[in-house]
């Protein structure tokens, strides 16, 4: 019997803001328990620093420049195949509850059931949560009635709605109801529960807002001199450090922690219900997020303007008692999109060749040390390549860029792009990034030798079953 597949994702969750990842302040008991029963990734990196592009990666198992959803507000390229379509064809009951961040919202390829809850702050469309708020409170979304996104995203304050009506509680409520409604369906389940927090606005319900009032927060990773060495794509957004004093920064962090704990509580509710309806014991459960959050590091708030680790280094946990060890920390360098191929493999399906995602089951089982030597992140003309020791950020059409020696500078303060002492490393990372650009530019390319009548070449697959008979000898 194929396993039940449960994906639980949230929005804008930093790697360093989970208890099992070494944070002894934030309270995440349910995520910590999930990690204790499965495998926790310590080096998982997102392929996009914005929501919609990475969420399309989660659906397709492909990079943004392939699936076409390059940023928020873009539409996915026609012909893309979602993992939900493959699971539905394999006999799974498929459902998506919460945020997908698609254009159009109602795109539901492969989802037998969709319950749309798209955003917390400035969206005007009437999804299920907006309908609920409008009927009960008279506005379609908390904070929107102020009409100012800057206020909504920037100023920490308690939510206008109580915990029982908060957006993440609302999503978990529907997930619980769905599990109850379908408990007698004999098909294996593929359920994606997509929560919204700790994405801004930083407005946890009051009991969560107050929860960390006296707790310490991380130090401020910022030097005003960064404005002299960082690309203008960043420096024009470095106005937050001028506006936010230390008290404001600390209040933002504490509100963020409150939202993280609220998310953790919803994860606990969903997992508890899975147990009650008999779908937990052999479930393949994934927890991850689309990307992280700057929270004033480098003078930045939100995401999208850069490829710093606070944005691209993400939490990722996989739990599957039948096949995976409990309480393991996988240190392999992976891309978060790899969780798609891993999910298909767990379901017993072949991973389509067009997917750039890679199956992580061998590294989680200890059968392989690595599936990648580096991770790539992209947003429009920006490409980041990150190894264990260094990171290069390339800006297409620009003479400037970023180069960080992570072993000596883990917080990415010192940009070595123009440092002659690191010219060889810069050249090698640029070469690696060019290789990635070639191999990922067309799904028919693969790094394997194929014989032709001109000799053996790497990177070309047979286009038709009879190609070898017709041309290759």
Protein backbone atom coordinates (compact mmCIF):
# COMPACT_ATOMS: atom_id res chain seq x y z
CA UNK A 1 0.00 0.00 0.00
CA UNK A 2 1.49 3.40 -0.95
CA UNK A 3 1.98 5.73 2.01
CA UNK A 4 -0.28 8.64 2.81
CA UNK A 5 1.58 11.77 1.75
CA UNK A 6 1.22 14.91 3.85
CA UNK A 7 2.93 18.13 2.88
CA UNK A 8 2.77 20.90 5.49
CA UNK A 9 4.30 24.18 4.40
CA UNK A 10 4.28 27.68 5.79
CA UNK A 11 5.49 31.05 4.56
CA UNK A 12 8.68 32.98 5.23
CA UNK A 13 10.14 30.74 7.96
CA UNK A 14 13.86 31.14 8.73
CA UNK A 15 15.96 28.03 9.31
CA UNK A 16 17.24 29.42 12.61
CA UNK A 17 13.71 29.84 14.02
CA UNK A 18 12.94 26.21 14.89
CA UNK A 19 13.81 24.58 18.19
CA UNK A 20 15.33 21.43 16.69
CA UNK A 21 17.60 23.60 14.52
CA UNK A 22 19.32 24.96 17.60
CA UNK A 23 17.07 27.82 18.71
CA UNK A 24 16.50 27.51 22.46
CA UNK A 25 14.07 30.45 22.66
CA UNK A 26 11.33 29.81 20.11
CA UNK A 27 8.87 27.09 21.10
CA UNK A 28 8.20 24.53 18.35
CA UNK A 29 7.41 21.28 20.19
CA UNK A 30 5.42 19.69 17.37
CA UNK A 31 8.05 20.38 14.71
CA UNK A 32 10.70 19.15 17.13
CA UNK A 33 8.69 15.96 17.66
CA UNK A 34 8.36 15.51 13.90
CA UNK A 35 12.13 15.81 13.57
CA UNK A 36 12.62 13.33 16.41
CA UNK A 37 10.57 10.81 14.41
CA UNK A 38 12.25 11.52 11.07
CA UNK A 39 15.09 13.28 9.27
CA UNK A 40 15.97 16.95 9.66
CA UNK A 41 17.94 18.67 6.89
CA UNK A 42 20.63 21.08 8.05
CA UNK A 43 21.60 22.42 4.60
CA UNK A 44 18.41 22.85 2.59
CA UNK A 45 18.18 25.89 0.32
CA UNK A 46 15.26 27.47 -1.54
CA UNK A 47 15.31 28.02 -5.31
CA UNK A 48 13.58 31.39 -5.11
CA UNK A 49 13.47 34.15 -2.48
CA UNK A 50 9.81 34.93 -3.29
CA UNK A 51 6.63 33.00 -2.57
CA UNK A 52 4.98 32.27 -5.92
CA UNK A 53 8.12 31.16 -7.74
CA UNK A 54 9.16 28.71 -5.03
CA UNK A 55 5.63 27.36 -4.64
CA UNK A 56 5.58 26.63 -8.36
CA UNK A 57 8.86 24.76 -7.81
CA UNK A 58 7.06 22.70 -5.16
CA UNK A 59 4.33 21.80 -7.66
CA UNK A 60 6.50 21.08 -10.69
CA UNK A 61 9.87 19.99 -9.29
CA UNK A 62 11.50 22.44 -11.71
CA UNK A 63 13.45 25.70 -11.55
CA UNK A 64 11.66 29.05 -11.98
CA UNK A 65 13.21 29.76 -15.39
CA UNK A 66 11.68 26.48 -16.58
CA UNK A 67 8.19 26.64 -15.07
CA UNK A 68 7.88 30.35 -15.88
CA UNK A 69 6.46 31.62 -12.60
CA UNK A 70 9.42 33.92 -12.11
CA UNK A 71 8.02 35.97 -9.24
CA UNK A 72 4.77 36.91 -7.53
CA UNK A 73 2.02 37.72 -9.99
CA UNK A 74 3.38 35.63 -12.84
CA UNK A 75 1.52 32.79 -14.55
CA UNK A 76 3.06 29.35 -14.87
CA UNK A 77 4.08 28.21 -18.35
CA UNK A 78 1.52 26.01 -20.12
CA UNK A 79 2.20 22.30 -20.15
CA UNK A 80 3.83 22.11 -16.72
CA UNK A 81 2.98 18.84 -14.92
CA UNK A 82 2.34 18.94 -11.17
CA UNK A 83 3.18 16.17 -8.76
CA UNK A 84 -0.47 16.16 -7.72
CA UNK A 85 -1.45 15.14 -11.26
CA UNK A 86 0.95 12.20 -11.12
CA UNK A 87 -0.35 11.09 -7.73
CA UNK A 88 -3.98 11.46 -8.80
CA UNK A 89 -3.31 9.21 -11.81
CA UNK A 90 -1.72 6.71 -9.41
CA UNK A 91 -4.94 6.51 -7.39
CA UNK A 92 -4.35 9.07 -4.65
CA UNK A 93 -7.02 11.28 -3.12
CA UNK A 94 -5.45 14.72 -3.59
CA UNK A 95 -6.25 17.94 -1.73
CA UNK A 96 -4.72 21.37 -1.28
CA UNK A 97 -5.82 23.53 1.65
CA UNK A 98 -4.42 27.03 2.14
CA UNK A 99 -2.00 29.12 0.11
CA UNK A 100 -0.81 28.02 -3.32
CA UNK A 101 -0.04 31.54 -4.65
CA UNK A 102 -0.99 30.73 -8.21
CA UNK A 103 -2.28 32.92 -11.01
CA UNK A 104 -5.12 32.17 -11.48
CA UNK A 105 -5.97 31.17 -7.92
CA UNK A 106 -8.28 28.38 -8.99
CA UNK A 107 -5.67 26.48 -11.02
CA UNK A 108 -6.06 22.99 -9.58
CA UNK A 109 -4.27 20.49 -11.81
CA UNK A 110 -4.43 17.15 -10.07
CA UNK A 111 -6.16 18.47 -6.95
CA UNK A 112 -9.47 16.72 -6.39
CA UNK A 113 -10.21 19.26 -3.65
CA UNK A 114 -8.95 22.83 -3.28
CA UNK A 115 -9.73 25.21 -0.39
CA UNK A 116 -8.21 28.58 -1.28
CA UNK A 117 -6.72 30.83 1.41
CA UNK A 118 -4.19 33.03 -0.34
CA UNK A 119 -2.78 35.74 1.89
CA UNK A 120 -2.67 37.63 5.16
CA UNK A 121 -2.15 41.25 4.30
CA UNK A 122 -2.94 43.26 1.20
CA UNK A 123 -4.81 40.94 -1.19
CA UNK A 124 -8.15 42.22 -2.42
CA UNK A 125 -9.61 39.00 -3.84
CA UNK A 126 -12.23 37.09 -1.91
CA UNK A 127 -10.81 33.70 -1.03
CA UNK A 128 -12.41 31.52 1.65
CA UNK A 129 -10.87 33.50 4.51
CA UNK A 130 -11.94 36.83 3.04
CA UNK A 131 -15.50 35.57 2.75
CA UNK A 132 -15.40 34.46 6.38
CA UNK A 133 -13.97 37.76 7.66
CA UNK A 134 -16.39 39.81 5.60
CA UNK A 135 -19.37 37.92 7.03
CA UNK A 136 -18.16 38.06 10.63
CA UNK A 137 -16.14 41.28 10.89
CA UNK A 138 -17.12 43.44 7.95
CA UNK A 139 -13.69 43.53 6.28
CA UNK A 140 -12.22 41.01 3.85
CA UNK A 141 -8.88 40.70 5.59
CA UNK A 142 -7.39 42.07 8.81
CA UNK A 143 -5.16 45.11 8.21
CA UNK A 144 -6.41 45.64 4.64
CA UNK A 145 -8.98 48.10 5.94
CA UNK A 146 -6.11 50.48 6.76
CA UNK A 147 -5.27 50.59 3.06
CA UNK A 148 -1.52 50.83 3.61
CA UNK A 149 0.65 47.78 3.00
CA UNK A 150 3.66 49.43 4.61
CA UNK A 151 1.83 49.63 7.92
CA UNK A 152 0.58 46.09 7.58
CA UNK A 153 3.94 44.49 6.89
CA UNK A 154 6.19 46.60 9.07
CA UNK A 155 4.58 47.35 12.41
CA UNK A 156 4.27 44.49 14.92
CA UNK A 157 0.96 44.52 16.77
CA UNK A 158 -1.58 41.99 18.05
CA UNK A 159 -4.07 40.61 15.57
CA UNK A 160 -7.46 42.25 15.22
CA UNK A 161 -9.07 38.81 15.23
CA UNK A 162 -8.74 36.26 18.04
CA UNK A 163 -6.84 32.99 17.83
CA UNK A 164 -9.91 30.95 16.88
CA UNK A 165 -10.42 33.15 13.79
CA UNK A 166 -6.77 33.74 12.88
CA UNK A 167 -5.87 32.75 9.31
CA UNK A 168 -3.62 29.79 10.21
CA UNK A 169 -6.19 28.44 12.66
CA UNK A 170 -8.76 28.84 9.90
CA UNK A 171 -6.65 26.75 7.48
CA UNK A 172 -5.95 24.06 10.08
CA UNK A 173 -9.67 23.94 10.92
CA UNK A 174 -10.47 23.04 7.31
CA UNK A 175 -7.65 20.48 7.18
CA UNK A 176 -9.08 18.80 10.28
CA UNK A 177 -12.59 18.84 8.81
CA UNK A 178 -11.31 17.41 5.53
CA UNK A 179 -9.54 14.56 7.32
CA UNK A 180 -12.74 13.77 9.19
CA UNK A 181 -14.84 13.87 5.99
CA UNK A 182 -12.51 11.53 4.11
CA UNK A 183 -11.56 9.09 6.87
CA UNK A 184 -13.49 6.27 5.21
CA UNK A 185 -12.00 6.85 1.75
CA UNK A 186 -9.82 3.80 1.09
CA UNK A 187 -7.49 5.63 -1.28
CA UNK A 188 -4.08 6.79 -0.05
CA UNK A 189 -4.13 10.49 0.73
CA UNK A 190 -1.96 13.25 -0.75
CA UNK A 191 -2.75 16.36 1.28
CA UNK A 192 -0.98 19.71 1.11
CA UNK A 193 -1.73 21.98 4.09
CA UNK A 194 -0.26 25.40 3.31
CA UNK A 195 -0.15 27.80 6.27
CA UNK A 196 0.50 31.55 5.99
CA UNK A 197 2.62 32.58 8.96
CA UNK A 198 5.17 33.81 9.97
CA UNK A 199 4.77 35.94 6.83
CA UNK A 200 4.06 39.59 7.63
CA UNK A 201 2.10 41.34 8.95
CA UNK A 202 3.70 40.47 12.26
CA UNK A 203 0.36 40.28 14.03
CA UNK A 204 0.00 37.13 16.12
CA UNK A 205 -3.09 36.82 18.35
CA UNK A 206 -2.48 38.57 21.65
CA UNK A 207 -1.57 35.46 23.64
CA UNK A 208 1.14 34.69 21.06
CA UNK A 209 2.15 38.36 20.75
CA UNK A 210 2.81 38.48 24.51
CA UNK A 211 4.44 35.06 24.72
CA UNK A 212 7.98 36.25 23.99
CA UNK A 213 7.74 39.73 25.53
CA UNK A 214 10.75 39.21 27.79
CA UNK A 215 12.67 36.67 25.72
CA UNK A 216 16.02 37.36 24.02
CA UNK A 217 16.30 37.78 20.25
CA UNK A 218 19.28 37.22 17.91
CA UNK A 219 21.85 39.99 17.52
CA UNK A 220 21.46 42.49 14.70
CA UNK A 221 23.54 41.34 11.70
CA UNK A 222 24.15 44.68 10.02
CA UNK A 223 26.94 47.17 9.42
CA UNK A 224 26.07 50.62 7.98
CA UNK A 225 29.18 50.36 5.80
CA UNK A 226 27.47 47.56 3.88
CA UNK A 227 25.86 50.27 1.80
CA UNK A 228 29.26 50.87 0.23
CA UNK A 229 29.85 47.29 -0.90
CA UNK A 230 26.45 45.76 -1.63
CA UNK A 231 24.54 45.94 -4.95
CA UNK A 232 21.99 48.73 -5.47
CA UNK A 233 19.21 46.12 -5.68
CA UNK A 234 19.75 45.86 -1.92
CA UNK A 235 20.95 49.28 -0.86
CA UNK A 236 17.88 51.07 -2.16
CA UNK A 237 15.86 48.94 0.27
CA UNK A 238 18.18 49.46 3.27
CA UNK A 239 15.95 52.19 4.67
CA UNK A 240 14.58 49.89 7.37
CA UNK A 241 17.69 50.20 9.50
CA UNK A 242 17.18 53.96 9.62
CA UNK A 243 13.53 53.61 10.68
CA UNK A 244 13.76 50.70 13.09
CA UNK A 245 15.38 51.30 16.44
CA UNK A 246 16.53 48.33 18.51
CA UNK A 247 13.31 48.18 20.52
CA UNK A 248 11.29 47.97 17.31
CA UNK A 249 13.57 45.26 15.90
CA UNK A 250 13.26 43.20 19.04
CA UNK A 251 9.47 43.55 19.06
CA UNK A 252 9.41 42.37 15.44
CA UNK A 253 11.46 39.30 16.28
CA UNK A 254 9.26 38.45 19.25
CA UNK A 255 6.13 38.82 17.14
CA UNK A 256 7.76 36.61 14.51
CA UNK A 257 8.48 33.98 17.15
CA UNK A 258 4.85 34.19 18.27
CA UNK A 259 3.72 33.43 14.72
CA UNK A 260 6.16 30.53 14.46
CA UNK A 261 4.73 29.00 17.62
CA UNK A 262 1.20 29.53 16.33
CA UNK A 263 2.17 27.64 13.15
CA UNK A 264 3.68 24.88 15.26
CA UNK A 265 0.40 24.51 17.13
CA UNK A 266 -1.47 24.08 13.83
CA UNK A 267 1.04 21.45 12.71
CA UNK A 268 0.30 19.63 15.95
CA UNK A 269 -3.45 19.78 15.32
CA UNK A 270 -3.11 18.31 11.82
CA UNK A 271 -0.81 15.51 12.96
CA UNK A 272 -3.10 14.67 15.87
CA UNK A 273 -6.07 14.39 13.51
CA UNK A 274 -4.08 12.18 11.14
CA UNK A 275 -3.64 9.80 14.05
CA UNK A 276 -7.33 9.92 14.97
CA UNK A 277 -8.46 8.99 11.44
CA UNK A 278 -5.85 6.25 11.00
CA UNK A 279 -3.63 7.96 8.43
CA UNK A 280 -0.55 8.68 10.54
CA UNK A 281 1.33 5.46 11.28
CA UNK A 282 2.90 5.02 7.85
CA UNK A 283 2.50 8.57 6.59
CA UNK A 284 5.24 10.26 4.57
CA UNK A 285 5.19 13.76 6.09
CA UNK A 286 7.11 16.76 4.77
CA UNK A 287 7.45 20.07 6.57
CA UNK A 288 9.18 22.97 4.87
CA UNK A 289 8.68 26.58 3.82
CA UNK A 290 9.00 28.60 0.63
CA UNK A 291 11.80 30.89 1.86
CA UNK A 292 12.95 32.85 4.90
CA UNK A 293 12.77 36.44 6.16
CA UNK A 294 15.45 39.12 6.68
CA UNK A 295 14.04 40.64 9.90
CA UNK A 296 16.38 43.66 9.59
CA UNK A 297 19.58 41.67 8.97
CA UNK A 298 21.68 43.65 6.48
CA UNK A 299 19.23 46.52 6.92
CA UNK A 300 16.51 44.57 5.08
CA UNK A 301 13.00 43.46 5.93
CA UNK A 302 10.87 40.92 4.03
CA UNK A 303 12.61 39.03 1.17
CA UNK A 304 13.24 39.06 -2.62
CA UNK A 305 16.00 41.68 -2.75
CA UNK A 306 18.91 39.35 -2.09
CA UNK A 307 20.08 35.76 -1.62
CA UNK A 308 21.34 35.89 1.96
CA UNK A 309 21.03 32.73 4.03
CA UNK A 310 18.26 34.19 6.23
CA UNK A 311 16.12 34.11 3.06
CA UNK A 312 17.28 30.97 1.26
CA UNK A 313 18.33 28.60 4.09
CA UNK A 314 15.09 26.90 5.07
CA UNK A 315 13.87 24.29 7.55
CA UNK A 316 13.00 20.90 6.08
CA UNK A 317 11.86 17.75 7.88
CA UNK A 318 10.76 14.40 6.43
CA UNK A 319 9.13 11.70 8.55
CA UNK A 320 8.44 8.19 7.20
CA UNK A 321 8.77 5.49 9.88
CA UNK A 322 8.72 2.60 7.41
CA UNK A 323 11.80 3.72 5.53
CA UNK A 324 13.69 6.47 7.34
CA UNK A 325 15.66 6.64 10.58
CA UNK A 326 14.29 8.56 13.54
CA UNK A 327 16.02 11.62 14.94
CA UNK A 328 18.58 11.88 12.14
CA UNK A 329 20.21 15.11 10.93
CA UNK A 330 21.03 14.96 7.23
CA UNK A 331 23.91 17.30 6.47
CA UNK A 332 23.88 16.82 2.70
CA UNK A 333 23.53 20.03 0.73
CA UNK A 334 20.12 19.89 -0.98
CA UNK A 335 17.62 22.11 -2.74
CA UNK A 336 14.14 22.34 -1.25
CA UNK A 337 12.67 21.50 -4.66
CA UNK A 338 14.26 18.04 -4.23
CA UNK A 339 11.43 17.20 -1.86
CA UNK A 340 9.16 16.82 -4.91
CA UNK A 341 11.14 13.96 -6.50
CA UNK A 342 11.54 12.45 -3.04
CA UNK A 343 7.78 12.44 -2.56
CA UNK A 344 7.14 10.76 -5.92
CA UNK A 345 9.78 8.14 -5.17
CA UNK A 346 8.17 7.44 -1.78
CA UNK A 347 4.87 6.87 -3.60
CA UNK A 348 6.57 4.32 -5.84
CA UNK A 349 6.45 6.51 -8.95
CA UNK A 350 9.16 7.29 -11.48
CA UNK A 351 10.52 10.83 -11.36
CA UNK A 352 9.91 12.50 -14.75
CA UNK A 353 13.12 13.35 -16.62
CA UNK A 354 11.89 16.91 -17.10
CA UNK A 355 12.11 17.47 -13.34
CA UNK A 356 15.27 19.12 -12.02
CA UNK A 357 14.33 17.82 -8.57
CA UNK A 358 16.38 14.91 -7.18
CA UNK A 359 15.35 12.00 -4.98
CA UNK A 360 16.72 12.41 -1.44
CA UNK A 361 15.74 8.99 -0.08
CA UNK A 362 19.26 7.57 -0.58
CA UNK A 363 20.92 10.34 1.46
CA UNK A 364 18.27 10.14 4.18
CA UNK A 365 18.80 6.39 4.43
CA UNK A 366 22.56 6.82 4.58
CA UNK A 367 23.08 5.04 1.24
CA UNK A 368 24.64 8.11 -0.39
CA UNK A 369 26.53 11.09 0.96
CA UNK A 370 25.22 13.70 -1.46
CA UNK A 371 23.06 14.38 -4.49
CA UNK A 372 24.43 17.88 -5.15
CA UNK A 373 27.67 19.83 -4.79
CA UNK A 374 25.91 23.19 -4.67
CA UNK A 375 22.48 24.82 -4.46
CA UNK A 376 21.16 27.50 -6.82
CA UNK A 377 18.66 30.28 -6.13
CA UNK A 378 17.25 32.66 -8.75
CA UNK A 379 15.05 35.73 -9.07
CA UNK A 380 14.80 37.47 -12.44
CA UNK A 381 18.38 38.32 -13.49
CA UNK A 382 19.89 37.29 -10.13
CA UNK A 383 21.52 33.86 -9.70
CA UNK A 384 23.08 32.60 -6.49
CA UNK A 385 25.29 29.52 -6.25
CA UNK A 386 26.10 28.28 -2.76
CA UNK A 387 28.53 25.57 -1.72
CA UNK A 388 29.35 24.58 1.83
CA UNK A 389 32.15 27.12 2.00
CA UNK A 390 31.33 29.95 -0.42
CA UNK A 391 28.52 31.82 -2.11
CA UNK A 392 28.51 33.81 -5.35
CA UNK A 393 25.58 36.00 -6.39
CA UNK A 394 25.58 36.92 -10.08
CA UNK A 395 23.57 39.87 -11.44
CA UNK A 396 22.95 39.45 -15.16
CA UNK A 397 23.90 42.51 -17.21
CA UNK A 398 25.77 44.08 -14.29
CA UNK A 399 29.46 44.44 -13.48
CA UNK A 400 28.90 44.13 -9.75
CA UNK A 401 27.97 41.07 -7.72
CA UNK A 402 28.57 39.37 -4.38
CA UNK A 403 31.09 36.83 -3.15
CA UNK A 404 31.17 35.51 0.41
CA UNK A 405 33.68 33.23 2.11
CA UNK A 406 31.19 31.51 4.39
CA UNK A 407 33.72 29.61 6.50
CA UNK A 408 35.22 32.92 7.65
CA UNK A 409 32.15 35.14 7.20
CA UNK A 410 29.01 33.07 7.97
CA UNK A 411 26.80 36.16 8.23
CA UNK A 412 27.79 37.43 4.76
CA UNK A 413 28.99 40.84 5.87
CA UNK A 414 32.14 41.17 3.71
CA UNK A 415 31.55 41.22 -0.03
CA UNK A 416 34.71 39.89 -1.74
CA UNK A 417 33.50 40.35 -5.33
CA UNK A 418 36.26 42.83 -6.18
CA UNK A 419 38.90 41.25 -3.93
CA UNK A 420 41.79 40.05 -6.10
CA UNK A 421 42.79 37.52 -3.45
CA UNK A 422 39.56 35.60 -4.18
CA UNK A 423 39.61 35.93 -7.98
CA UNK A 424 40.27 32.18 -8.50
CA UNK A 425 37.32 31.19 -6.30
CA UNK A 426 35.12 33.74 -8.06
CA UNK A 427 36.10 32.34 -11.45
CA UNK A 428 35.44 28.75 -10.38
CA UNK A 429 32.02 29.54 -8.93
CA UNK A 430 31.15 31.47 -12.10
CA UNK A 431 32.16 28.45 -14.18
CA UNK A 432 30.00 26.18 -12.00
CA UNK A 433 27.08 28.55 -12.37
CA UNK A 434 27.53 28.56 -16.16
CA UNK A 435 27.53 24.75 -16.14
CA UNK A 436 24.28 24.78 -14.17
CA UNK A 437 22.81 27.28 -16.64
CA UNK A 438 23.57 24.94 -19.54
CA UNK A 439 22.37 21.73 -17.91
CA UNK A 440 19.19 23.26 -16.53
CA UNK A 441 18.26 25.28 -19.61
CA UNK A 442 16.47 22.43 -21.39
CA UNK A 443 14.94 19.34 -19.76
CA UNK A 444 16.33 17.18 -22.57
CA UNK A 445 19.88 17.94 -21.45
CA UNK A 446 21.49 15.56 -18.97
CA UNK A 447 25.07 15.19 -17.87
CA UNK A 448 25.63 11.76 -19.38
CA UNK A 449 27.61 10.54 -22.35
CA UNK A 450 25.63 9.56 -25.46
CA UNK A 451 27.29 8.02 -28.55
CA UNK A 452 26.70 9.74 -31.89
CA UNK A 453 28.14 9.36 -35.38
CA UNK A 454 30.50 12.22 -34.49
CA UNK A 455 31.76 10.61 -31.29
CA UNK A 456 30.54 10.60 -27.70
CA UNK A 457 29.11 13.78 -26.24
CA UNK A 458 27.67 14.75 -22.91
CA UNK A 459 24.28 16.26 -22.47
CA UNK A 460 22.12 14.95 -25.29
CA UNK A 461 19.26 12.50 -24.83
CA UNK A 462 17.63 10.53 -27.59
CA UNK A 463 14.60 12.42 -28.84
CA UNK A 464 12.74 9.34 -30.11
CA UNK A 465 12.90 5.62 -29.25
CA UNK A 466 14.37 4.75 -32.67
CA UNK A 467 16.96 7.56 -32.79
CA UNK A 468 19.88 5.24 -32.10
CA UNK A 469 18.89 2.91 -34.95
CA UNK A 470 18.54 5.78 -37.40
CA UNK A 471 21.45 8.05 -36.58
CA UNK A 472 23.90 7.00 -33.91
CA UNK A 473 26.02 4.40 -35.67
